[in-house]
């Protein structure tokens, strides 16, 4: 069970690793938007931030769809009736 947890942790880290640059970009854009808002500029940064949010949500949706597809595929591979061992 311990090895399974470690394997799951490694899988999740490799799955979420590409999202780290996206989160950094989102933080930088949010900081730029706050600075522009303080100066009175609202237009371009708001559109840029909205587009970044749409892309992040699309990536999250793709990940959810991939995991759901993998789960449905694995569900079909699991036997419904397990054989009972003879010496139980």
C-alpha atoms as a PDB file:
ATOM      1  CA  UNK A   1       0.000   0.000   0.000  1.00  0.00           C
ATOM      2  CA  UNK A   2       2.905   2.322   0.764  1.00  0.00           C
ATOM      3  CA  UNK A   3       4.372   1.768  -2.709  1.00  0.00           C
ATOM      4  CA  UNK A   4       0.999   2.450  -4.297  1.00  0.00           C
ATOM      5  CA  UNK A   5       0.742   5.807  -2.529  1.00  0.00           C
ATOM      6  CA  UNK A   6       4.250   6.736  -3.631  1.00  0.00           C
ATOM      7  CA  UNK A   7       3.429   5.736  -7.212  1.00  0.00           C
ATOM      8  CA  UNK A   8       0.214   7.767  -7.148  1.00  0.00           C
ATOM      9  CA  UNK A   9       2.123  10.749  -5.782  1.00  0.00           C
ATOM     10  CA  UNK A  10       4.692  10.542  -8.569  1.00  0.00           C
ATOM     11  CA  UNK A  11       1.926  10.252 -11.153  1.00  0.00           C
ATOM     12  CA  UNK A  12       0.133  13.332  -9.823  1.00  0.00           C
ATOM     13  CA  UNK A  13       3.337  15.377  -9.684  1.00  0.00           C
ATOM     14  CA  UNK A  14       4.136  14.577 -13.310  1.00  0.00           C
ATOM     15  CA  UNK A  15       0.530  15.295 -14.299  1.00  0.00           C
ATOM     16  CA  UNK A  16       0.399  18.666 -12.543  1.00  0.00           C
ATOM     17  CA  UNK A  17       3.928  19.781 -13.468  1.00  0.00           C
ATOM     18  CA  UNK A  18       2.870  21.480 -16.749  1.00  0.00           C
ATOM     19  CA  UNK A  19       0.393  23.607 -14.789  1.00  0.00           C
ATOM     20  CA  UNK A  20       3.155  25.267 -12.740  1.00  0.00           C
ATOM     21  CA  UNK A  21       4.206  27.713 -15.511  1.00  0.00           C
ATOM     22  CA  UNK A  22       0.550  28.479 -16.192  1.00  0.00           C
ATOM     23  CA  UNK A  23       0.001  29.369 -12.549  1.00  0.00           C
ATOM     24  CA  UNK A  24       3.097  31.596 -12.569  1.00  0.00           C
ATOM     25  CA  UNK A  25       1.797  33.336 -15.691  1.00  0.00           C
ATOM     26  CA  UNK A  26      -1.584  33.808 -14.027  1.00  0.00           C
ATOM     27  CA  UNK A  27       0.047  35.364 -10.945  1.00  0.00           C
ATOM     28  CA  UNK A  28       2.145  37.742 -13.072  1.00  0.00           C
ATOM     29  CA  UNK A  29      -0.877  38.766 -15.131  1.00  0.00           C
ATOM     30  CA  UNK A  30      -2.947  39.312 -11.994  1.00  0.00           C
ATOM     31  CA  UNK A  31      -0.188  41.549 -10.587  1.00  0.00           C
ATOM     32  CA  UNK A  32      -0.081  43.513 -13.854  1.00  0.00           C
ATOM     33  CA  UNK A  33      -3.861  43.848 -13.798  1.00  0.00           C
ATOM     34  CA  UNK A  34      -3.784  45.209 -10.243  1.00  0.00           C
ATOM     35  CA  UNK A  35      -1.090  47.725 -11.205  1.00  0.00           C
ATOM     36  CA  UNK A  36      -3.034  48.787 -14.311  1.00  0.00           C
ATOM     37  CA  UNK A  37      -6.223  49.112 -12.284  1.00  0.00           C
ATOM     38  CA  UNK A  38      -4.433  51.388  -9.851  1.00  0.00           C
ATOM     39  CA  UNK A  39      -3.395  53.569 -12.819  1.00  0.00           C
ATOM     40  CA  UNK A  40      -6.890  53.580 -14.296  1.00  0.00           C
ATOM     41  CA  UNK A  41      -6.335  51.223 -17.279  1.00  0.00           C
ATOM     42  CA  UNK A  42      -8.952  48.463 -17.518  1.00  0.00           C
ATOM     43  CA  UNK A  43      -9.174  47.202 -21.108  1.00  0.00           C
ATOM     44  CA  UNK A  44      -6.369  45.071 -22.499  1.00  0.00           C
ATOM     45  CA  UNK A  45      -5.285  43.406 -19.275  1.00  0.00           C
ATOM     46  CA  UNK A  46      -8.841  42.387 -18.470  1.00  0.00           C
ATOM     47  CA  UNK A  47      -9.168  40.690 -21.847  1.00  0.00           C
ATOM     48  CA  UNK A  48      -5.762  39.049 -21.437  1.00  0.00           C
ATOM     49  CA  UNK A  49      -6.685  37.771 -17.978  1.00  0.00           C
ATOM     50  CA  UNK A  50     -10.003  36.437 -19.262  1.00  0.00           C
ATOM     51  CA  UNK A  51      -8.252  34.556 -22.057  1.00  0.00           C
ATOM     52  CA  UNK A  52      -5.751  33.045 -19.642  1.00  0.00           C
ATOM     53  CA  UNK A  53      -8.566  31.896 -17.372  1.00  0.00           C
ATOM     54  CA  UNK A  54     -10.354  30.313 -20.340  1.00  0.00           C
ATOM     55  CA  UNK A  55      -7.173  28.434 -21.311  1.00  0.00           C
ATOM     56  CA  UNK A  56      -6.588  27.211 -17.749  1.00  0.00           C
ATOM     57  CA  UNK A  57     -10.199  26.013 -17.490  1.00  0.00           C
ATOM     58  CA  UNK A  58      -9.887  24.246 -20.864  1.00  0.00           C
ATOM     59  CA  UNK A  59      -6.726  22.466 -19.711  1.00  0.00           C
ATOM     60  CA  UNK A  60      -8.449  21.421 -16.488  1.00  0.00           C
ATOM     61  CA  UNK A  61     -11.426  20.136 -18.498  1.00  0.00           C
ATOM     62  CA  UNK A  62      -9.123  18.115 -20.735  1.00  0.00           C
ATOM     63  CA  UNK A  63      -7.454  16.567 -17.692  1.00  0.00           C
ATOM     64  CA  UNK A  64     -10.830  15.684 -16.157  1.00  0.00           C
ATOM     65  CA  UNK A  65     -11.987  14.147 -19.449  1.00  0.00           C
ATOM     66  CA  UNK A  66      -8.793  12.090 -19.730  1.00  0.00           C
ATOM     67  CA  UNK A  67      -9.095  10.811 -16.170  1.00  0.00           C
ATOM     68  CA  UNK A  68     -12.786   9.980 -16.676  1.00  0.00           C
ATOM     69  CA  UNK A  69     -11.997   8.087 -19.887  1.00  0.00           C
ATOM     70  CA  UNK A  70      -9.209   6.212 -18.148  1.00  0.00           C
ATOM     71  CA  UNK A  71     -11.571   5.365 -15.286  1.00  0.00           C
ATOM     72  CA  UNK A  72     -14.244   4.029 -17.656  1.00  0.00           C
ATOM     73  CA  UNK A  73     -11.624   1.940 -19.474  1.00  0.00           C
ATOM     74  CA  UNK A  74     -10.318   0.533 -16.194  1.00  0.00           C
ATOM     75  CA  UNK A  75     -13.872  -0.143 -14.996  1.00  0.00           C
ATOM     76  CA  UNK A  76     -14.380  -2.493 -17.929  1.00  0.00           C
ATOM     77  CA  UNK A  77     -11.156  -4.365 -17.120  1.00  0.00           C
ATOM     78  CA  UNK A  78     -12.118  -5.125 -13.505  1.00  0.00           C
ATOM     79  CA  UNK A  79     -13.727  -8.571 -13.171  1.00  0.00           C
ATOM     80  CA  UNK A  80     -17.156  -8.568 -11.506  1.00  0.00           C
ATOM     81  CA  UNK A  81     -16.933 -12.055  -9.978  1.00  0.00           C
ATOM     82  CA  UNK A  82     -13.631 -12.886  -8.382  1.00  0.00           C
ATOM     83  CA  UNK A  83     -12.758 -16.585  -8.003  1.00  0.00           C
ATOM     84  CA  UNK A  84     -12.837 -17.897  -4.443  1.00  0.00           C
ATOM     85  CA  UNK A  85      -9.543 -19.531  -3.358  1.00  0.00           C
ATOM     86  CA  UNK A  86      -9.838 -23.257  -2.610  1.00  0.00           C
ATOM     87  CA  UNK A  87      -8.062 -23.157   0.777  1.00  0.00           C
ATOM     88  CA  UNK A  88      -9.972 -20.326   2.448  1.00  0.00           C
END
